[in-house]
């Protein structure tokens, strides 16, 4: 019975992969797992490289976006301290489970466990859309993670809980208390949420995923671990990085289904008594 149950699961998994890529081209179907792994590894590297080299090719619209982010961050900087007072005042009213979930979701170990899990599922079921999503997740989290790690040390901004104030900086500091800008939790959690949400068209599903992605950034405000500018810049950076890598993958035809419009699944959010989930109809 146990082996029969495992066989049924394997058949269902293969069926999902086949139906979600029913029109996939022959070349894609003939790729071995190792060939797909190499192809995806090159895609991840290319996406990360594109993130760091793209600014050298920015044009008017790109510079306008950059200027908008800088201006918005500067405006929010003016209200950092009253915003911190507001959010930390709410901390004791927030259920411990929600605060803990927000903290854990933005941790690298949990985040990379989720992203690699998504990719592994796509790889072993040979589901090109899920593979591409996994590649987008891994490349975006890595690119954004490196940026925030370097920035935190270089900027050396004091965290709110130190009581030093929003204007206290200790450049090139290795002290954790001076690693506030930008928020790593915000970058990792919202990068994951934004990349996954891009795979759905249903606005309610997107909204739900965004809400989950925002839980970690808000939890850092409740805990006094980051200023509002740290969090908002982290979210903005996540969006820019994910969009840039997604455009790179699409523009370079790294995945066939993207441009051939052959992936035909309609995603819907289902809510019932004691259950919450997403259903794909094909």
Protein backbone atom coordinates (compact mmCIF):
# COMPACT_ATOMS: atom_id res chain seq x y z
CA UNK A 1 0.00 0.00 0.00
CA UNK A 2 2.83 2.41 0.86
CA UNK A 3 4.55 1.86 -2.51
CA UNK A 4 1.21 2.17 -4.29
CA UNK A 5 0.56 5.50 -2.56
CA UNK A 6 4.00 6.77 -3.58
CA UNK A 7 3.32 5.68 -7.16
CA UNK A 8 0.02 7.60 -7.21
CA UNK A 9 1.79 10.74 -5.97
CA UNK A 10 4.46 10.34 -8.68
CA UNK A 11 1.79 9.93 -11.39
CA UNK A 12 -0.12 12.99 -10.18
CA UNK A 13 3.08 15.04 -10.06
CA UNK A 14 3.95 14.02 -13.61
CA UNK A 15 0.41 14.85 -14.72
CA UNK A 16 0.64 18.35 -13.25
CA UNK A 17 3.94 18.88 -15.03
CA UNK A 18 2.58 17.58 -18.36
CA UNK A 19 -0.66 19.57 -18.27
CA UNK A 20 1.02 22.78 -17.17
CA UNK A 21 3.36 22.50 -20.15
CA UNK A 22 1.16 20.62 -22.58
CA UNK A 23 2.53 22.54 -25.56
CA UNK A 24 6.17 22.62 -24.43
CA UNK A 25 8.59 22.28 -27.33
CA UNK A 26 10.44 19.05 -28.08
CA UNK A 27 13.84 20.46 -27.22
CA UNK A 28 12.64 21.33 -23.71
CA UNK A 29 11.14 17.87 -23.20
CA UNK A 30 14.40 16.19 -24.23
CA UNK A 31 16.53 18.06 -21.70
CA UNK A 32 17.90 15.91 -18.89
CA UNK A 33 17.77 17.02 -15.27
CA UNK A 34 21.49 17.80 -15.39
CA UNK A 35 21.09 19.89 -18.56
CA UNK A 36 18.24 21.85 -16.99
CA UNK A 37 20.30 22.38 -13.85
CA UNK A 38 23.20 23.79 -15.88
CA UNK A 39 20.87 25.99 -17.92
CA UNK A 40 19.24 27.36 -14.78
CA UNK A 41 22.60 27.94 -13.11
CA UNK A 42 23.65 30.09 -16.07
CA UNK A 43 20.31 31.90 -15.85
CA UNK A 44 20.83 32.68 -12.15
CA UNK A 45 24.35 33.97 -12.81
CA UNK A 46 23.16 36.03 -15.75
CA UNK A 47 20.35 37.54 -13.71
CA UNK A 48 22.69 38.53 -10.88
CA UNK A 49 25.22 39.96 -13.35
CA UNK A 50 22.45 41.92 -15.08
CA UNK A 51 21.46 43.47 -11.73
CA UNK A 52 24.92 44.95 -11.22
CA UNK A 53 25.67 45.95 -14.82
CA UNK A 54 22.26 47.34 -15.82
CA UNK A 55 22.78 50.75 -14.12
CA UNK A 56 25.55 51.46 -16.66
CA UNK A 57 22.91 51.20 -19.39
CA UNK A 58 20.15 53.21 -17.72
CA UNK A 59 18.23 55.71 -19.83
CA UNK A 60 15.85 58.55 -19.00
CA UNK A 61 13.04 56.45 -17.54
CA UNK A 62 15.44 54.41 -15.43
CA UNK A 63 17.08 57.52 -13.99
CA UNK A 64 13.64 58.98 -13.28
CA UNK A 65 12.75 55.85 -11.29
CA UNK A 66 16.04 56.08 -9.40
CA UNK A 67 15.41 59.73 -8.65
CA UNK A 68 11.91 58.97 -7.42
CA UNK A 69 13.21 56.31 -5.02
CA UNK A 70 15.88 58.67 -3.68
CA UNK A 71 13.38 61.53 -3.26
CA UNK A 72 10.82 59.27 -1.59
CA UNK A 73 13.43 57.89 0.81
CA UNK A 74 14.52 61.42 1.70
CA UNK A 75 10.96 62.48 2.48
CA UNK A 76 10.33 59.44 4.66
CA UNK A 77 13.63 60.12 6.45
CA UNK A 78 12.01 63.26 7.86
CA UNK A 79 9.43 61.20 9.77
CA UNK A 80 11.64 58.27 10.79
CA UNK A 81 11.57 59.00 14.51
CA UNK A 82 7.81 59.63 14.95
CA UNK A 83 7.15 56.59 12.75
CA UNK A 84 9.39 54.49 14.99
CA UNK A 85 7.50 55.71 18.08
CA UNK A 86 4.19 54.78 16.46
CA UNK A 87 5.16 51.26 15.41
CA UNK A 88 6.99 50.31 18.61
CA UNK A 89 3.95 51.47 20.61
CA UNK A 90 1.91 48.80 18.79
CA UNK A 91 4.32 45.97 19.61
CA UNK A 92 2.67 44.67 22.77
CA UNK A 93 -0.73 44.53 21.04
CA UNK A 94 0.53 42.26 18.25
CA UNK A 95 0.15 38.49 18.84
CA UNK A 96 3.47 36.80 19.47
CA UNK A 97 2.87 34.26 16.68
CA UNK A 98 2.53 37.03 14.09
CA UNK A 99 5.66 38.79 15.33
CA UNK A 100 7.61 35.53 15.26
CA UNK A 101 6.34 34.64 11.78
CA UNK A 102 7.40 38.03 10.48
CA UNK A 103 10.87 37.61 11.96
CA UNK A 104 11.37 34.06 10.65
CA UNK A 105 10.10 34.69 7.11
CA UNK A 106 12.82 37.26 6.49
CA UNK A 107 15.65 35.05 7.79
CA UNK A 108 18.06 33.82 5.08
CA UNK A 109 17.82 30.17 6.17
CA UNK A 110 14.02 30.10 5.92
CA UNK A 111 13.91 32.22 2.79
CA UNK A 112 16.44 30.19 0.85
CA UNK A 113 14.76 27.00 2.03
CA UNK A 114 11.55 28.21 0.41
CA UNK A 115 13.16 29.44 -2.81
CA UNK A 116 15.24 26.31 -3.34
CA UNK A 117 12.18 24.20 -2.55
CA UNK A 118 10.22 25.93 -5.31
CA UNK A 119 13.08 25.44 -7.75
CA UNK A 120 13.63 21.80 -6.78
CA UNK A 121 9.95 21.03 -7.39
CA UNK A 122 10.12 22.61 -10.84
CA UNK A 123 13.36 20.80 -11.67
CA UNK A 124 12.28 17.31 -10.69
CA UNK A 125 8.80 17.60 -12.20
CA UNK A 126 10.29 19.29 -15.30
CA UNK A 127 7.80 22.11 -14.93
CA UNK A 128 9.38 24.99 -16.82
CA UNK A 129 7.23 27.74 -15.28
CA UNK A 130 8.03 26.64 -11.73
CA UNK A 131 11.71 26.26 -12.63
CA UNK A 132 11.81 29.78 -14.01
CA UNK A 133 10.06 31.06 -10.88
CA UNK A 134 12.68 29.30 -8.75
CA UNK A 135 15.48 30.82 -10.81
CA UNK A 136 13.91 34.26 -10.42
CA UNK A 137 13.63 33.75 -6.66
CA UNK A 138 17.19 32.53 -6.17
CA UNK A 139 18.79 35.15 -8.43
CA UNK A 140 16.76 38.01 -6.94
CA UNK A 141 17.35 37.00 -3.32
CA UNK A 142 21.07 36.59 -3.96
CA UNK A 143 21.48 39.88 -5.83
CA UNK A 144 19.44 41.84 -3.28
CA UNK A 145 21.07 40.04 -0.38
CA UNK A 146 24.59 40.97 -1.50
CA UNK A 147 23.57 44.61 -1.96
CA UNK A 148 22.06 44.91 1.50
CA UNK A 149 24.96 43.09 3.19
CA UNK A 150 27.52 45.45 1.72
CA UNK A 151 25.34 48.54 2.26
CA UNK A 152 24.73 47.79 5.93
CA UNK A 153 28.43 47.69 6.66
CA UNK A 154 29.32 50.71 4.55
CA UNK A 155 26.51 52.95 5.83
CA UNK A 156 26.68 51.82 9.46
CA UNK A 157 23.36 53.30 10.57
CA UNK A 158 22.32 52.77 14.20
CA UNK A 159 19.20 50.71 14.81
CA UNK A 160 16.28 52.42 16.57
CA UNK A 161 16.47 50.23 19.67
CA UNK A 162 19.97 51.56 20.44
CA UNK A 163 18.43 54.93 21.29
CA UNK A 164 21.06 56.70 19.18
CA UNK A 165 18.63 58.43 16.84
CA UNK A 166 18.07 58.31 13.09
CA UNK A 167 21.11 60.49 12.32
CA UNK A 168 23.71 58.34 14.09
CA UNK A 169 26.11 56.59 11.69
CA UNK A 170 29.29 54.61 12.15
CA UNK A 171 30.61 53.99 8.66
CA UNK A 172 32.27 50.64 7.86
CA UNK A 173 31.02 49.23 11.16
CA UNK A 174 30.92 45.50 11.85
CA UNK A 175 28.64 45.97 14.87
CA UNK A 176 25.14 44.50 14.44
CA UNK A 177 23.67 47.53 16.20
CA UNK A 178 24.89 49.65 13.29
CA UNK A 179 23.51 47.50 10.48
CA UNK A 180 20.14 49.15 10.06
CA UNK A 181 20.22 50.50 6.50
CA UNK A 182 18.63 48.92 4.53
CA UNK A 183 16.49 46.16 6.07
CA UNK A 184 17.65 42.68 5.05
CA UNK A 185 14.42 41.10 6.29
CA UNK A 186 12.43 43.46 4.08
CA UNK A 187 14.52 42.71 1.02
CA UNK A 188 14.40 38.93 1.37
CA UNK A 189 10.73 38.62 2.33
CA UNK A 190 9.32 41.07 -0.21
CA UNK A 191 11.62 39.81 -2.97
CA UNK A 192 10.13 36.36 -2.45
CA UNK A 193 6.55 37.64 -2.31
CA UNK A 194 6.91 39.93 -5.32
CA UNK A 195 8.58 37.26 -7.47
CA UNK A 196 5.88 34.69 -6.64
CA UNK A 197 3.04 37.19 -7.10
CA UNK A 198 4.27 37.95 -10.63
CA UNK A 199 3.23 34.42 -11.61
CA UNK A 200 -0.46 35.12 -10.91
CA UNK A 201 -3.02 37.33 -12.62
CA UNK A 202 -5.74 37.18 -9.96
CA UNK A 203 -5.52 40.49 -8.03
CA UNK A 204 -6.78 38.85 -4.82
CA UNK A 205 -4.05 36.23 -4.95
CA UNK A 206 -1.47 38.92 -5.64
CA UNK A 207 -2.77 41.01 -2.75
CA UNK A 208 -2.62 38.06 -0.37
CA UNK A 209 0.95 37.26 -1.35
CA UNK A 210 1.99 40.90 -1.00
CA UNK A 211 0.42 40.96 2.48
CA UNK A 212 2.51 37.97 3.53
CA UNK A 213 5.61 39.62 2.09
CA UNK A 214 4.95 42.83 4.03
CA UNK A 215 4.58 41.04 7.36
CA UNK A 216 8.32 40.74 7.89
CA UNK A 217 9.12 44.40 7.08
CA UNK A 218 6.38 45.61 9.42
CA UNK A 219 7.55 43.24 12.16
CA UNK A 220 10.98 44.90 12.06
CA UNK A 221 9.29 48.24 12.72
CA UNK A 222 7.34 46.81 15.66
CA UNK A 223 10.57 45.48 17.16
CA UNK A 224 12.46 48.74 16.69
CA UNK A 225 15.07 46.91 14.63
CA UNK A 226 14.79 49.24 11.63
CA UNK A 227 13.71 52.74 10.69
CA UNK A 228 10.89 53.29 8.23
CA UNK A 229 13.37 54.39 5.54
CA UNK A 230 15.31 51.12 5.98
CA UNK A 231 12.15 49.14 5.30
CA UNK A 232 10.72 51.20 2.44
CA UNK A 233 14.04 51.32 0.61
CA UNK A 234 14.37 47.55 1.07
CA UNK A 235 10.95 47.01 -0.52
CA UNK A 236 11.72 49.39 -3.39
CA UNK A 237 15.04 47.65 -3.99
CA UNK A 238 13.25 44.27 -4.04
CA UNK A 239 10.86 45.42 -6.76
CA UNK A 240 13.64 46.89 -8.91
CA UNK A 241 15.81 43.77 -8.62
CA UNK A 242 13.00 41.29 -9.31
CA UNK A 243 11.68 43.27 -12.29
CA UNK A 244 15.20 43.64 -13.70
CA UNK A 245 15.99 39.93 -13.49
CA UNK A 246 12.55 38.92 -14.77
CA UNK A 247 13.00 41.21 -17.78
CA UNK A 248 16.45 39.74 -18.39
CA UNK A 249 15.10 36.17 -18.39
CA UNK A 250 12.23 37.10 -20.71
CA UNK A 251 14.27 39.25 -23.09
CA UNK A 252 16.95 36.60 -23.53
CA UNK A 253 14.41 33.81 -24.15
CA UNK A 254 15.83 31.73 -21.33
CA UNK A 255 12.48 29.95 -20.94
CA UNK A 256 10.30 29.01 -23.91
CA UNK A 257 6.88 29.32 -22.29
CA UNK A 258 7.45 33.01 -21.47
CA UNK A 259 7.28 34.26 -25.04
CA UNK A 260 5.25 31.48 -26.62
CA UNK A 261 2.31 31.96 -24.22
CA UNK A 262 1.88 28.20 -23.87
CA UNK A 263 1.40 27.89 -20.17
CA UNK A 264 -2.35 27.72 -19.70
CA UNK A 265 -3.27 27.65 -16.03
CA UNK A 266 -5.76 29.93 -14.31
CA UNK A 267 -4.90 30.47 -10.67
CA UNK A 268 -7.65 31.12 -8.12
CA UNK A 269 -7.65 31.70 -4.38
CA UNK A 270 -9.92 29.32 -2.45
CA UNK A 271 -11.14 30.00 1.06
CA UNK A 272 -13.25 27.63 3.12
CA UNK A 273 -13.80 26.36 6.62
CA UNK A 274 -10.36 25.67 8.03
CA UNK A 275 -8.59 26.02 4.69
CA UNK A 276 -6.84 28.60 2.56
CA UNK A 277 -5.12 27.75 -0.67
CA UNK A 278 -4.51 28.36 -4.35
CA UNK A 279 -5.98 26.20 -7.11
CA UNK A 280 -4.63 25.97 -10.64
CA UNK A 281 -7.23 25.18 -13.32
CA UNK A 282 -6.11 23.88 -16.71
